[in-house]
């Protein structure tokens, strides 16, 4: 770590720099860069970020904003990877008013990224995710896990779900655990981060760094105050050295050491607050918003989920059920679907972020996701979504029906993945897409970009010699196997919308295949209707068709959805 920013003893004594005791003004890490912003590109994983990024900052400072060509030349990466960096940064940036966030997908490269945001984005590529935690009652969930996959990967003999739960049946870390881990990372690296944002004081050398209010505001990429994230307190207004600045006058730059002291105090206070909040739950009954939802064997009416105004909505532990959430039932702008099995899950709402983790043998429909979707450690899952971008990590035998404005990203140990064009609609879909900023005229589902087979951001061990291996990409669903997915109209007139058909145009091969199927169905129907059969034989044919259809319902598990629809 650099010695340029040292804690100031005098500032620790200053009562004006003391962290605010107000619970609504506690510092929080922004989850989005850590959850959706990490890319397994070896040249971005810097062993000494300061040594690389300070010269890069000085070299690119005259440009102000950085496009993919400049970035590719500076970091010696491909244009594809440079464009991916810009697209990913745009999806996790804190400032919705930034030109790169407001840009249409085709305009992102020409708009370019703000240099300071880009530098912070590159710095956190060294972050290591927290290992999954151990479930409180591993025996109680043993029966819901899917069977071992029929094939073994070259990276590991374990399937993605087995890898997650190996040794002690690990589960995704709790929100509190992840927040504490991210705060600890920021606490350790804050001096370096401030050094990247600071400038030498006028007339003084590199050893005397100051931070302008504008530079300080870029920290909002990584931290926020208040429990509602972007709706909380503006970063500069939370800091005592900028809070009362005249908006018509440029604020006086502040010594970086003073800012460092104040941030470390606030982070320490937040970590203490997290410890106090978690300890009672460890010693007593768990709070509904954090506990693992019990596995449900019933339909929608008996399934539990947890929501929080300050974080994502959780849909967790659903087994052998159908589950529906519409926009009015989703609090916040992000959703996490975790450890759900043998179920159909419908989330018909506009979202900013969505995560699907550790699911198997399920169909999951996400409405319109305007920032990013991440699907991780899943087996035999069908995902249907309209989204700005999708990342698939460590999945097996999954099929993705996509309406995406950017190339699907595939990372990690994946096997037998398939991608296909978007195949459904519901009445409010186009309204939700407009709200999320998704363009139906752009769908590049068929151009997946595969990166490394080993994710350097996880803390799991990997066999030697595979760090440079490329992830297995996805194949296209055969047009003759492509079918439309029908979303039932549960709510009738309550959620009336204007969407009457799939808003994403299908490729010609898929349109032709659908037309062939429709023609075959019409011909079969005509043959049955015109067949020279007496009433007794017609009843036999009808009975046989019903038997085959019923067998198909039971074999595929779709009979459960019919029961759930009947109960609704």
Protein backbone atom coordinates (compact mmCIF):
# COMPACT_ATOMS: atom_id res chain seq x y z
CA UNK A 1 0.00 0.00 0.00
CA UNK A 2 1.23 3.48 -0.77
CA UNK A 3 2.60 5.70 1.99
CA UNK A 4 1.31 8.87 0.36
CA UNK A 5 -1.76 9.06 2.58
CA UNK A 6 -1.10 8.69 6.29
CA UNK A 7 -3.72 8.91 9.04
CA UNK A 8 -3.63 12.30 10.73
CA UNK A 9 -3.58 12.20 14.52
CA UNK A 10 -5.16 15.62 14.83
CA UNK A 11 -8.12 14.74 12.64
CA UNK A 12 -8.91 11.74 14.84
CA UNK A 13 -9.40 14.18 17.70
CA UNK A 14 -11.67 16.46 15.68
CA UNK A 15 -15.29 15.95 16.80
CA UNK A 16 -16.50 17.23 13.42
CA UNK A 17 -14.94 14.18 11.79
CA UNK A 18 -16.60 11.66 14.09
CA UNK A 19 -18.88 9.19 12.30
CA UNK A 20 -22.53 10.04 12.51
CA UNK A 21 -24.44 7.92 15.05
CA UNK A 22 -27.61 8.23 12.98
CA UNK A 23 -28.45 4.72 11.67
CA UNK A 24 -29.72 6.31 8.45
CA UNK A 25 -26.26 7.80 7.83
CA UNK A 26 -24.15 4.68 8.15
CA UNK A 27 -21.69 4.01 5.35
CA UNK A 28 -22.43 1.03 3.09
CA UNK A 29 -20.51 -0.49 0.21
CA UNK A 30 -22.27 -0.40 -3.16
CA UNK A 31 -22.96 -4.04 -3.92
CA UNK A 32 -23.30 -3.66 -7.69
CA UNK A 33 -19.60 -3.26 -8.64
CA UNK A 34 -18.66 -6.25 -6.51
CA UNK A 35 -21.53 -8.48 -7.63
CA UNK A 36 -21.87 -7.55 -11.32
CA UNK A 37 -18.69 -5.65 -12.17
CA UNK A 38 -15.87 -8.20 -11.87
CA UNK A 39 -14.39 -9.57 -15.09
CA UNK A 40 -12.08 -12.63 -15.28
CA UNK A 41 -9.68 -11.02 -17.75
CA UNK A 42 -6.09 -11.79 -16.62
CA UNK A 43 -4.65 -8.43 -17.68
CA UNK A 44 -7.17 -6.64 -15.46
CA UNK A 45 -6.10 -8.54 -12.33
CA UNK A 46 -3.29 -6.30 -11.16
CA UNK A 47 -0.81 -7.53 -8.55
CA UNK A 48 0.13 -3.93 -7.73
CA UNK A 49 -2.78 -1.72 -8.88
CA UNK A 50 -1.16 1.55 -7.80
CA UNK A 51 1.99 0.90 -9.80
CA UNK A 52 -0.09 0.30 -12.94
CA UNK A 53 -3.00 2.69 -12.50
CA UNK A 54 -1.21 5.90 -11.51
CA UNK A 55 0.84 5.95 -14.76
CA UNK A 56 -2.33 5.01 -16.66
CA UNK A 57 -4.19 7.90 -15.02
CA UNK A 58 -1.39 10.33 -15.91
CA UNK A 59 -1.23 9.05 -19.49
CA UNK A 60 -4.99 9.29 -20.10
CA UNK A 61 -5.69 12.44 -18.05
CA UNK A 62 -5.78 14.72 -21.13
CA UNK A 63 -8.51 12.59 -22.72
CA UNK A 64 -11.06 13.00 -19.92
CA UNK A 65 -13.22 10.18 -21.23
CA UNK A 66 -11.80 6.88 -22.49
CA UNK A 67 -13.10 4.81 -25.41
CA UNK A 68 -12.41 1.15 -26.16
CA UNK A 69 -9.62 1.79 -28.66
CA UNK A 70 -7.64 3.90 -26.19
CA UNK A 71 -8.31 1.43 -23.38
CA UNK A 72 -7.28 -1.56 -25.48
CA UNK A 73 -4.00 0.12 -26.47
CA UNK A 74 -3.24 1.24 -22.89
CA UNK A 75 -3.90 -2.12 -21.21
CA UNK A 76 -2.81 -4.31 -24.12
CA UNK A 77 -6.17 -6.07 -24.31
CA UNK A 78 -8.38 -6.88 -27.28
CA UNK A 79 -11.03 -4.48 -28.58
CA UNK A 80 -13.71 -7.01 -27.57
CA UNK A 81 -12.42 -7.02 -24.01
CA UNK A 82 -12.12 -3.23 -23.93
CA UNK A 83 -15.71 -2.88 -25.10
CA UNK A 84 -16.74 -5.39 -22.45
CA UNK A 85 -15.02 -3.26 -19.79
CA UNK A 86 -16.95 -0.16 -20.87
CA UNK A 87 -20.27 -2.03 -21.08
CA UNK A 88 -19.75 -3.57 -17.66
CA UNK A 89 -18.74 -0.27 -16.10
CA UNK A 90 -21.85 1.38 -17.54
CA UNK A 91 -24.01 -1.33 -15.98
CA UNK A 92 -22.67 -0.81 -12.44
CA UNK A 93 -21.99 2.93 -12.43
CA UNK A 94 -23.55 4.91 -9.58
CA UNK A 95 -24.45 8.06 -11.54
CA UNK A 96 -27.49 7.54 -13.76
CA UNK A 97 -26.87 10.98 -15.26
CA UNK A 98 -23.44 9.98 -16.60
CA UNK A 99 -23.38 9.99 -20.43
CA UNK A 100 -22.21 6.37 -20.61
CA UNK A 101 -25.22 5.23 -18.55
CA UNK A 102 -27.67 7.24 -20.64
CA UNK A 103 -26.12 6.11 -23.93
CA UNK A 104 -27.83 3.59 -26.16
CA UNK A 105 -25.94 0.26 -26.48
CA UNK A 106 -24.38 1.25 -29.81
CA UNK A 107 -23.25 4.64 -28.43
CA UNK A 108 -21.38 3.47 -25.32
CA UNK A 109 -18.02 3.22 -27.06
CA UNK A 110 -18.22 6.64 -28.68
CA UNK A 111 -19.30 8.25 -25.39
CA UNK A 112 -16.52 6.59 -23.41
CA UNK A 113 -16.00 6.29 -19.65
CA UNK A 114 -14.98 8.96 -17.17
CA UNK A 115 -11.30 8.30 -16.39
CA UNK A 116 -11.78 8.36 -12.59
CA UNK A 117 -14.65 5.89 -12.69
CA UNK A 118 -12.66 3.67 -15.01
CA UNK A 119 -9.63 3.75 -12.69
CA UNK A 120 -11.76 2.70 -9.70
CA UNK A 121 -13.39 -0.04 -11.76
CA UNK A 122 -9.98 -1.40 -12.76
CA UNK A 123 -8.73 -1.20 -9.18
CA UNK A 124 -11.48 -3.41 -7.72
CA UNK A 125 -10.75 -6.16 -10.23
CA UNK A 126 -8.36 -7.41 -7.53
CA UNK A 127 -11.30 -8.07 -5.17
CA UNK A 128 -11.87 -11.66 -3.99
CA UNK A 129 -15.44 -12.73 -3.31
CA UNK A 130 -16.40 -14.12 0.07
CA UNK A 131 -16.57 -17.89 0.30
CA UNK A 132 -20.11 -19.27 0.64
CA UNK A 133 -21.24 -19.77 4.21
CA UNK A 134 -22.29 -23.03 5.82
CA UNK A 135 -26.03 -23.59 6.01
CA UNK A 136 -27.44 -23.64 9.53
CA UNK A 137 -29.13 -27.00 8.98
CA UNK A 138 -27.47 -28.87 6.15
CA UNK A 139 -29.35 -32.10 6.86
CA UNK A 140 -32.72 -30.44 6.37
CA UNK A 141 -31.92 -29.44 2.78
CA UNK A 142 -30.09 -32.59 1.71
CA UNK A 143 -33.06 -34.05 -0.11
CA UNK A 144 -33.70 -31.10 -2.41
CA UNK A 145 -30.36 -31.12 -4.18
CA UNK A 146 -30.30 -32.54 -7.71
CA UNK A 147 -28.44 -35.70 -8.53
CA UNK A 148 -24.86 -35.69 -9.72
CA UNK A 149 -24.50 -34.50 -13.29
CA UNK A 150 -23.96 -37.26 -15.83
CA UNK A 151 -20.71 -35.78 -17.05
CA UNK A 152 -17.57 -34.41 -15.45
CA UNK A 153 -15.85 -31.17 -16.37
CA UNK A 154 -12.18 -30.90 -17.14
CA UNK A 155 -11.75 -28.44 -14.28
CA UNK A 156 -13.40 -30.52 -11.60
CA UNK A 157 -15.30 -33.75 -11.07
CA UNK A 158 -17.86 -31.73 -9.14
CA UNK A 159 -20.93 -30.16 -10.68
CA UNK A 160 -21.50 -26.43 -10.02
CA UNK A 161 -23.98 -27.16 -7.23
CA UNK A 162 -21.73 -29.78 -5.69
CA UNK A 163 -18.85 -27.29 -5.78
CA UNK A 164 -20.96 -24.74 -3.92
CA UNK A 165 -22.05 -27.18 -1.24
CA UNK A 166 -18.93 -29.35 -1.03
CA UNK A 167 -17.36 -30.17 2.31
CA UNK A 168 -20.05 -28.64 4.53
CA UNK A 169 -22.88 -27.86 2.11
CA UNK A 170 -22.10 -24.20 1.62
CA UNK A 171 -24.71 -21.60 0.80
CA UNK A 172 -24.49 -18.12 -0.66
CA UNK A 173 -23.15 -15.70 1.98
CA UNK A 174 -25.67 -13.58 3.85
CA UNK A 175 -26.07 -9.91 2.95
CA UNK A 176 -24.45 -8.92 6.26
CA UNK A 177 -21.45 -11.20 5.65
CA UNK A 178 -20.96 -9.83 2.14
CA UNK A 179 -21.30 -6.23 3.31
CA UNK A 180 -18.75 -6.77 6.07
CA UNK A 181 -16.35 -8.42 3.60
CA UNK A 182 -16.71 -5.53 1.13
CA UNK A 183 -16.26 -2.93 3.88
CA UNK A 184 -13.12 -4.71 5.07
CA UNK A 185 -11.75 -4.65 1.52
CA UNK A 186 -12.45 -0.91 1.25
CA UNK A 187 -10.93 -0.32 4.68
CA UNK A 188 -7.72 -2.05 3.60
CA UNK A 189 -7.50 -0.34 0.20
CA UNK A 190 -8.94 3.12 0.90
CA UNK A 191 -5.55 4.82 1.02
CA UNK A 192 -4.73 3.56 -2.48
CA UNK A 193 -8.19 4.45 -3.78
CA UNK A 194 -7.90 8.02 -2.49
CA UNK A 195 -4.44 8.33 -3.97
CA UNK A 196 -5.94 7.51 -7.38
CA UNK A 197 -8.58 10.23 -7.00
CA UNK A 198 -6.40 12.89 -5.36
CA UNK A 199 -4.13 15.50 -6.95
CA UNK A 200 -1.00 17.27 -5.63
CA UNK A 201 -1.74 20.51 -3.80
CA UNK A 202 -0.89 23.66 -5.77
CA UNK A 203 2.80 24.39 -5.58
CA UNK A 204 3.57 21.26 -3.58
CA UNK A 205 4.88 17.83 -4.44
CA UNK A 206 3.33 14.39 -4.73
CA UNK A 207 3.68 13.90 -0.97
CA UNK A 208 0.94 16.47 -0.31
CA UNK A 209 -2.27 15.19 -1.92
CA UNK A 210 -5.65 16.90 -1.80
CA UNK A 211 -9.09 15.78 -2.87
CA UNK A 212 -11.57 18.04 -4.60
CA UNK A 213 -15.30 17.70 -4.02
CA UNK A 214 -15.66 16.45 -7.60
CA UNK A 215 -13.03 13.79 -7.03
CA UNK A 216 -14.63 12.84 -3.71
CA UNK A 217 -18.00 12.34 -5.43
CA UNK A 218 -16.49 9.57 -7.56
CA UNK A 219 -16.16 7.51 -4.37
CA UNK A 220 -19.93 7.06 -4.73
CA UNK A 221 -19.02 4.32 -7.21
CA UNK A 222 -17.91 2.24 -4.21
CA UNK A 223 -19.65 3.63 -1.12
CA UNK A 224 -22.94 5.24 -0.17
CA UNK A 225 -24.60 6.69 2.91
CA UNK A 226 -28.11 5.91 4.08
CA UNK A 227 -30.05 2.68 3.86
CA UNK A 228 -31.71 3.33 0.50
CA UNK A 229 -28.61 3.54 -1.62
CA UNK A 230 -29.00 6.02 -4.46
CA UNK A 231 -32.02 7.52 -2.71
CA UNK A 232 -29.97 8.19 0.41
CA UNK A 233 -27.64 11.03 1.33
CA UNK A 234 -25.42 12.50 -1.45
CA UNK A 235 -21.85 11.60 -0.69
CA UNK A 236 -20.53 15.16 -0.49
CA UNK A 237 -23.38 16.16 1.84
CA UNK A 238 -22.47 13.34 4.22
CA UNK A 239 -18.89 14.61 4.55
CA UNK A 240 -18.32 17.42 7.08
CA UNK A 241 -15.64 19.03 4.93
CA UNK A 242 -17.98 19.46 1.91
CA UNK A 243 -21.46 19.45 3.46
CA UNK A 244 -21.85 23.24 3.73
CA UNK A 245 -20.12 24.20 0.52
CA UNK A 246 -21.65 27.03 -1.49
CA UNK A 247 -23.08 25.45 -4.66
CA UNK A 248 -22.11 28.58 -6.59
CA UNK A 249 -18.50 28.46 -5.43
CA UNK A 250 -15.96 25.68 -5.98
CA UNK A 251 -15.31 23.86 -2.71
CA UNK A 252 -11.81 24.08 -1.26
CA UNK A 253 -9.91 20.80 -1.77
CA UNK A 254 -9.34 18.79 1.40
CA UNK A 255 -6.15 16.96 2.40
CA UNK A 256 -6.48 13.34 1.33
CA UNK A 257 -5.24 12.22 4.75
CA UNK A 258 -8.17 14.00 6.39
CA UNK A 259 -10.64 12.29 4.06
CA UNK A 260 -8.91 8.96 4.73
CA UNK A 261 -9.23 9.36 8.50
CA UNK A 262 -12.91 10.25 8.25
CA UNK A 263 -13.72 7.32 5.95
CA UNK A 264 -11.84 4.82 8.13
CA UNK A 265 -13.77 6.00 11.17
CA UNK A 266 -17.06 5.60 9.34
CA UNK A 267 -16.11 2.16 8.03
CA UNK A 268 -15.07 1.03 11.51
CA UNK A 269 -18.38 2.32 12.86
CA UNK A 270 -20.32 0.49 10.14
CA UNK A 271 -18.47 -2.77 10.81
CA UNK A 272 -19.24 -2.41 14.52
CA UNK A 273 -22.90 -1.76 13.68
CA UNK A 274 -22.98 -4.88 11.49
CA UNK A 275 -21.47 -6.96 14.29
CA UNK A 276 -24.07 -5.71 16.77
CA UNK A 277 -26.86 -6.39 14.29
CA UNK A 278 -25.71 -9.93 13.48
CA UNK A 279 -24.82 -11.09 17.01
CA UNK A 280 -28.41 -11.21 18.37
CA UNK A 281 -29.48 -13.32 15.39
CA UNK A 282 -26.67 -15.77 16.02
CA UNK A 283 -27.78 -16.18 19.61
CA UNK A 284 -31.53 -16.05 19.10
CA UNK A 285 -34.33 -16.33 16.56
CA UNK A 286 -33.44 -15.20 13.08
CA UNK A 287 -35.06 -12.22 11.46
CA UNK A 288 -37.32 -13.00 8.51
CA UNK A 289 -35.37 -10.76 6.20
CA UNK A 290 -32.15 -12.71 6.72
CA UNK A 291 -33.09 -16.26 7.55
CA UNK A 292 -33.16 -18.98 4.93
CA UNK A 293 -36.73 -19.46 3.76
CA UNK A 294 -37.96 -22.98 4.48
CA UNK A 295 -38.37 -25.32 1.55
CA UNK A 296 -41.98 -25.17 0.40
CA UNK A 297 -43.88 -28.07 -1.10
CA UNK A 298 -47.04 -26.14 -1.76
CA UNK A 299 -48.03 -23.55 -4.35
CA UNK A 300 -47.87 -19.79 -4.39
CA UNK A 301 -49.95 -19.21 -1.29
CA UNK A 302 -47.53 -21.01 1.03
CA UNK A 303 -44.19 -19.84 -0.37
CA UNK A 304 -42.16 -17.31 1.57
CA UNK A 305 -39.83 -14.65 0.31
CA UNK A 306 -38.03 -11.78 1.96
CA UNK A 307 -37.77 -8.17 0.90
CA UNK A 308 -35.94 -5.14 2.14
CA UNK A 309 -36.35 -1.51 1.23
CA UNK A 310 -32.60 -1.02 1.27
CA UNK A 311 -31.54 -4.14 -0.62
CA UNK A 312 -32.66 -6.83 -3.02
CA UNK A 313 -35.77 -8.93 -2.73
CA UNK A 314 -34.91 -12.56 -1.97
CA UNK A 315 -36.75 -15.56 -3.40
CA UNK A 316 -35.09 -18.47 -1.68
CA UNK A 317 -35.53 -22.17 -1.12
CA UNK A 318 -38.59 -22.80 -3.31
CA UNK A 319 -39.01 -26.48 -4.14
CA UNK A 320 -41.64 -28.21 -6.29
CA UNK A 321 -43.84 -25.14 -6.62
CA UNK A 322 -44.96 -22.34 -8.90
CA UNK A 323 -44.21 -18.83 -7.70
CA UNK A 324 -45.36 -15.51 -9.13
CA UNK A 325 -44.33 -11.93 -8.34
CA UNK A 326 -45.60 -8.90 -10.21
CA UNK A 327 -44.24 -5.35 -10.14
CA UNK A 328 -46.43 -4.16 -7.26
CA UNK A 329 -45.08 -6.96 -5.05
CA UNK A 330 -41.37 -6.28 -5.62
CA UNK A 331 -39.74 -3.83 -3.22
CA UNK A 332 -36.53 -2.28 -4.38
CA UNK A 333 -35.01 -2.65 -7.83
CA UNK A 334 -33.13 -5.93 -7.62
CA UNK A 335 -34.00 -9.59 -7.04
CA UNK A 336 -32.01 -12.64 -5.95
CA UNK A 337 -33.37 -16.12 -6.70
CA UNK A 338 -31.39 -18.55 -4.55
CA UNK A 339 -31.43 -22.34 -4.09
CA UNK A 340 -34.74 -22.99 -5.85
CA UNK A 341 -35.40 -26.43 -7.31
CA UNK A 342 -37.90 -28.21 -9.53
CA UNK A 343 -40.10 -25.11 -9.76
CA UNK A 344 -41.47 -22.44 -12.08
CA UNK A 345 -40.73 -18.88 -10.96
CA UNK A 346 -42.25 -15.82 -12.62
CA UNK A 347 -40.91 -12.36 -11.72
CA UNK A 348 -42.94 -10.08 -13.99
CA UNK A 349 -41.49 -6.70 -13.08
CA UNK A 350 -39.00 -4.05 -14.25
CA UNK A 351 -35.70 -4.48 -12.37
CA UNK A 352 -32.21 -3.02 -12.36
CA UNK A 353 -30.33 -6.14 -11.29
CA UNK A 354 -31.14 -9.84 -10.90
CA UNK A 355 -29.14 -12.81 -9.62
CA UNK A 356 -30.00 -16.49 -9.97
CA UNK A 357 -27.79 -18.70 -7.79
CA UNK A 358 -27.66 -22.40 -7.00
CA UNK A 359 -30.92 -23.42 -8.69
CA UNK A 360 -31.73 -26.65 -10.51
CA UNK A 361 -34.46 -28.19 -12.66
CA UNK A 362 -36.40 -24.92 -12.72
CA UNK A 363 -37.85 -22.45 -15.21
CA UNK A 364 -37.23 -18.84 -14.19
CA UNK A 365 -38.79 -15.90 -16.02
CA UNK A 366 -37.41 -12.42 -15.31
CA UNK A 367 -39.43 -9.49 -16.67
CA UNK A 368 -37.15 -6.65 -17.84
CA UNK A 369 -33.72 -6.15 -16.23
CA UNK A 370 -32.20 -2.81 -17.15
CA UNK A 371 -28.66 -3.25 -15.80
CA UNK A 372 -27.44 -6.83 -15.43
CA UNK A 373 -28.46 -10.44 -14.81
CA UNK A 374 -26.05 -12.96 -13.28
CA UNK A 375 -26.80 -16.71 -13.36
CA UNK A 376 -24.37 -18.78 -11.31
CA UNK A 377 -23.96 -22.39 -10.12
CA UNK A 378 -27.16 -23.66 -11.75
CA UNK A 379 -28.04 -27.00 -13.33
CA UNK A 380 -30.77 -27.86 -15.81
CA UNK A 381 -32.40 -24.45 -15.48
CA UNK A 382 -34.31 -22.61 -18.22
CA UNK A 383 -33.95 -18.83 -17.90
CA UNK A 384 -36.15 -16.47 -19.93
CA UNK A 385 -35.32 -12.79 -19.68
CA UNK A 386 -35.27 -9.45 -21.45
CA UNK A 387 -32.17 -7.65 -20.19
CA UNK A 388 -29.43 -5.18 -21.02
CA UNK A 389 -26.73 -7.77 -20.31
CA UNK A 390 -26.43 -11.33 -18.95
CA UNK A 391 -23.50 -13.11 -17.32
CA UNK A 392 -23.52 -16.92 -16.98
CA UNK A 393 -21.02 -18.52 -14.59
CA UNK A 394 -20.38 -22.16 -13.63
CA UNK A 395 -23.62 -23.64 -15.01
CA UNK A 396 -24.50 -26.99 -16.59
CA UNK A 397 -27.17 -28.13 -19.01
CA UNK A 398 -29.01 -24.79 -18.85
CA UNK A 399 -30.96 -23.10 -21.64
CA UNK A 400 -31.23 -19.31 -21.91
CA UNK A 401 -33.99 -17.65 -23.96
CA UNK A 402 -32.67 -14.13 -24.28
CA UNK A 403 -33.67 -10.70 -25.43
CA UNK A 404 -30.38 -8.90 -24.72
CA UNK A 405 -28.86 -5.63 -25.94
CA UNK A 406 -25.27 -6.76 -25.26
CA UNK A 407 -23.38 -9.99 -25.89
CA UNK A 408 -24.08 -12.71 -23.29
CA UNK A 409 -20.99 -13.22 -21.13
CA UNK A 410 -19.95 -16.78 -20.23
CA UNK A 411 -17.33 -17.36 -17.54
CA UNK A 412 -16.14 -20.23 -15.38
CA UNK A 413 -16.69 -23.98 -15.58
CA UNK A 414 -19.74 -24.35 -17.84
CA UNK A 415 -20.98 -27.39 -19.74
CA UNK A 416 -23.70 -28.00 -22.34
CA UNK A 417 -25.17 -24.51 -22.30
CA UNK A 418 -27.65 -23.44 -24.97
CA UNK A 419 -28.90 -20.00 -25.99
CA UNK A 420 -31.99 -19.11 -28.00
CA UNK A 421 -33.96 -15.98 -28.90
CA UNK A 422 -36.55 -14.63 -26.48
CA UNK A 423 -39.72 -16.72 -26.57
CA UNK A 424 -42.50 -15.22 -24.44
CA UNK A 425 -44.43 -12.11 -23.44
CA UNK A 426 -46.87 -10.82 -20.85
CA UNK A 427 -49.21 -7.86 -21.07
CA UNK A 428 -46.91 -5.31 -19.37
CA UNK A 429 -43.62 -6.47 -20.90
CA UNK A 430 -43.10 -3.55 -23.30
CA UNK A 431 -43.90 -1.01 -20.57
CA UNK A 432 -41.39 -2.70 -18.28
CA UNK A 433 -38.77 -2.79 -21.05
CA UNK A 434 -39.24 0.93 -21.70
CA UNK A 435 -38.82 1.64 -17.98
CA UNK A 436 -35.69 -0.53 -17.83
CA UNK A 437 -34.22 0.96 -21.03
CA UNK A 438 -34.15 -2.27 -23.07
CA UNK A 439 -34.48 -2.00 -26.85
CA UNK A 440 -36.48 -4.70 -28.61
CA UNK A 441 -34.80 -3.91 -31.93
CA UNK A 442 -31.42 -5.08 -30.57
CA UNK A 443 -31.04 -8.74 -29.63
CA UNK A 444 -27.56 -10.26 -29.83
CA UNK A 445 -28.43 -13.47 -27.98
CA UNK A 446 -26.48 -15.43 -30.59
CA UNK A 447 -23.05 -13.85 -29.98
CA UNK A 448 -21.94 -15.15 -26.56
CA UNK A 449 -18.51 -14.04 -25.37
CA UNK A 450 -16.62 -16.72 -23.42
CA UNK A 451 -13.89 -15.63 -20.99
CA UNK A 452 -11.71 -17.60 -18.58
CA UNK A 453 -12.73 -21.00 -17.25
CA UNK A 454 -11.31 -20.03 -13.85
CA UNK A 455 -12.70 -17.00 -12.07
CA UNK A 456 -9.81 -15.23 -10.30
CA UNK A 457 -12.31 -13.35 -8.12
CA UNK A 458 -13.55 -16.39 -6.21
CA UNK A 459 -11.70 -17.80 -3.23
CA UNK A 460 -12.02 -21.44 -4.27
CA UNK A 461 -8.99 -23.50 -5.18
CA UNK A 462 -8.61 -24.72 -8.76
CA UNK A 463 -6.45 -27.43 -10.32
CA UNK A 464 -3.09 -26.26 -11.57
CA UNK A 465 -2.60 -25.50 -15.22
CA UNK A 466 -6.12 -24.32 -16.08
CA UNK A 467 -5.87 -20.62 -15.27
CA UNK A 468 -5.56 -19.72 -18.95
CA UNK A 469 -8.27 -22.07 -20.20
CA UNK A 470 -11.25 -20.51 -21.92
CA UNK A 471 -14.78 -21.16 -20.72
CA UNK A 472 -16.91 -23.51 -22.80
CA UNK A 473 -19.28 -21.38 -24.84
CA UNK A 474 -22.95 -22.02 -25.60
CA UNK A 475 -24.55 -23.61 -28.64
CA UNK A 476 -27.73 -22.39 -30.33
CA UNK A 477 -31.02 -24.15 -29.72
CA UNK A 478 -32.05 -25.90 -32.93
CA UNK A 479 -34.89 -23.94 -34.56
CA UNK A 480 -36.95 -27.15 -34.78
CA UNK A 481 -36.64 -27.52 -30.98
CA UNK A 482 -37.60 -23.91 -30.27
CA UNK A 483 -41.07 -23.33 -28.81
CA UNK A 484 -42.87 -20.32 -27.44
CA UNK A 485 -43.42 -20.16 -23.69
CA UNK A 486 -46.88 -19.13 -22.53
CA UNK A 487 -47.15 -17.06 -19.34
CA UNK A 488 -50.60 -17.58 -17.78
CA UNK A 489 -52.73 -14.49 -17.22
CA UNK A 490 -53.14 -14.86 -13.46
CA UNK A 491 -54.28 -11.34 -12.70
CA UNK A 492 -56.68 -10.63 -15.55
CA UNK A 493 -57.58 -6.96 -15.80
CA UNK A 494 -55.53 -6.01 -12.72
CA UNK A 495 -52.35 -5.74 -14.81
CA UNK A 496 -53.67 -4.74 -18.20
CA UNK A 497 -50.96 -3.82 -20.67
CA UNK A 498 -50.44 -3.28 -24.36
CA UNK A 499 -48.12 -6.19 -25.18
CA UNK A 500 -49.86 -8.77 -27.33
CA UNK A 501 -46.86 -10.66 -28.75
CA UNK A 502 -43.13 -11.24 -28.35
CA UNK A 503 -41.54 -7.77 -28.88
CA UNK A 504 -38.20 -9.24 -30.04
CA UNK A 505 -38.23 -10.23 -33.74
CA UNK A 506 -37.27 -13.86 -34.29
CA UNK A 507 -34.50 -14.81 -36.73
CA UNK A 508 -35.74 -16.16 -40.06
CA UNK A 509 -34.75 -19.76 -39.27
CA UNK A 510 -36.86 -19.76 -36.11
CA UNK A 511 -39.81 -18.10 -37.85
CA UNK A 512 -39.68 -20.76 -40.59
CA UNK A 513 -39.52 -23.55 -38.00
CA UNK A 514 -42.57 -22.13 -36.20
CA UNK A 515 -44.46 -21.90 -39.46
CA UNK A 516 -43.65 -25.54 -40.24
CA UNK A 517 -44.91 -26.60 -36.82
CA UNK A 518 -48.08 -24.58 -37.21
CA UNK A 519 -48.68 -26.10 -40.65
CA UNK A 520 -48.12 -29.62 -39.30
CA UNK A 521 -50.53 -28.97 -36.42
CA UNK A 522 -53.23 -27.72 -38.80
CA UNK A 523 -52.76 -30.77 -41.03
CA UNK A 524 -52.89 -33.22 -38.10
CA UNK A 525 -55.99 -31.53 -36.72
CA UNK A 526 -57.63 -31.73 -40.14
CA UNK A 527 -56.72 -35.40 -40.55
CA UNK A 528 -58.21 -36.29 -37.18
CA UNK A 529 -61.35 -34.27 -37.85
CA UNK A 530 -61.88 -35.74 -41.33
CA UNK A 531 -60.86 -39.30 -40.49
CA UNK A 532 -63.62 -41.81 -41.48
CA UNK A 533 -64.13 -43.04 -37.92
CA UNK A 534 -67.32 -43.91 -36.12
CA UNK A 535 -68.08 -42.31 -32.75
CA UNK A 536 -66.55 -45.19 -30.82
CA UNK A 537 -63.21 -44.97 -32.65
CA UNK A 538 -63.16 -41.18 -32.29
CA UNK A 539 -63.57 -41.62 -28.52
CA UNK A 540 -60.66 -44.08 -28.52
CA UNK A 541 -58.44 -41.61 -30.40
CA UNK A 542 -59.45 -38.80 -28.05
CA UNK A 543 -58.78 -40.99 -25.02
CA UNK A 544 -55.35 -41.98 -26.35
CA UNK A 545 -54.42 -38.33 -26.93
CA UNK A 546 -55.47 -37.47 -23.40
CA UNK A 547 -53.39 -40.33 -21.98
CA UNK A 548 -50.27 -39.26 -23.89
CA UNK A 549 -50.78 -35.64 -22.84
CA UNK A 550 -51.25 -36.62 -19.20
CA UNK A 551 -48.11 -38.79 -19.32
CA UNK A 552 -46.20 -35.83 -20.76
CA UNK A 553 -47.47 -33.54 -17.99
CA UNK A 554 -46.27 -35.95 -15.30
CA UNK A 555 -42.97 -36.74 -17.03
CA UNK A 556 -42.04 -33.08 -17.38
CA UNK A 557 -43.41 -31.94 -14.01
CA UNK A 558 -45.78 -29.49 -15.69
CA UNK A 559 -48.73 -31.15 -13.93
CA UNK A 560 -47.67 -29.24 -10.80
CA UNK A 561 -48.16 -25.92 -12.56
CA UNK A 562 -51.69 -26.92 -13.54
CA UNK A 563 -52.51 -27.76 -9.94
CA UNK A 564 -51.07 -24.45 -8.77
CA UNK A 565 -53.02 -22.52 -11.41
CA UNK A 566 -56.18 -24.34 -10.31
CA UNK A 567 -55.53 -23.43 -6.67
CA UNK A 568 -55.02 -19.78 -7.62
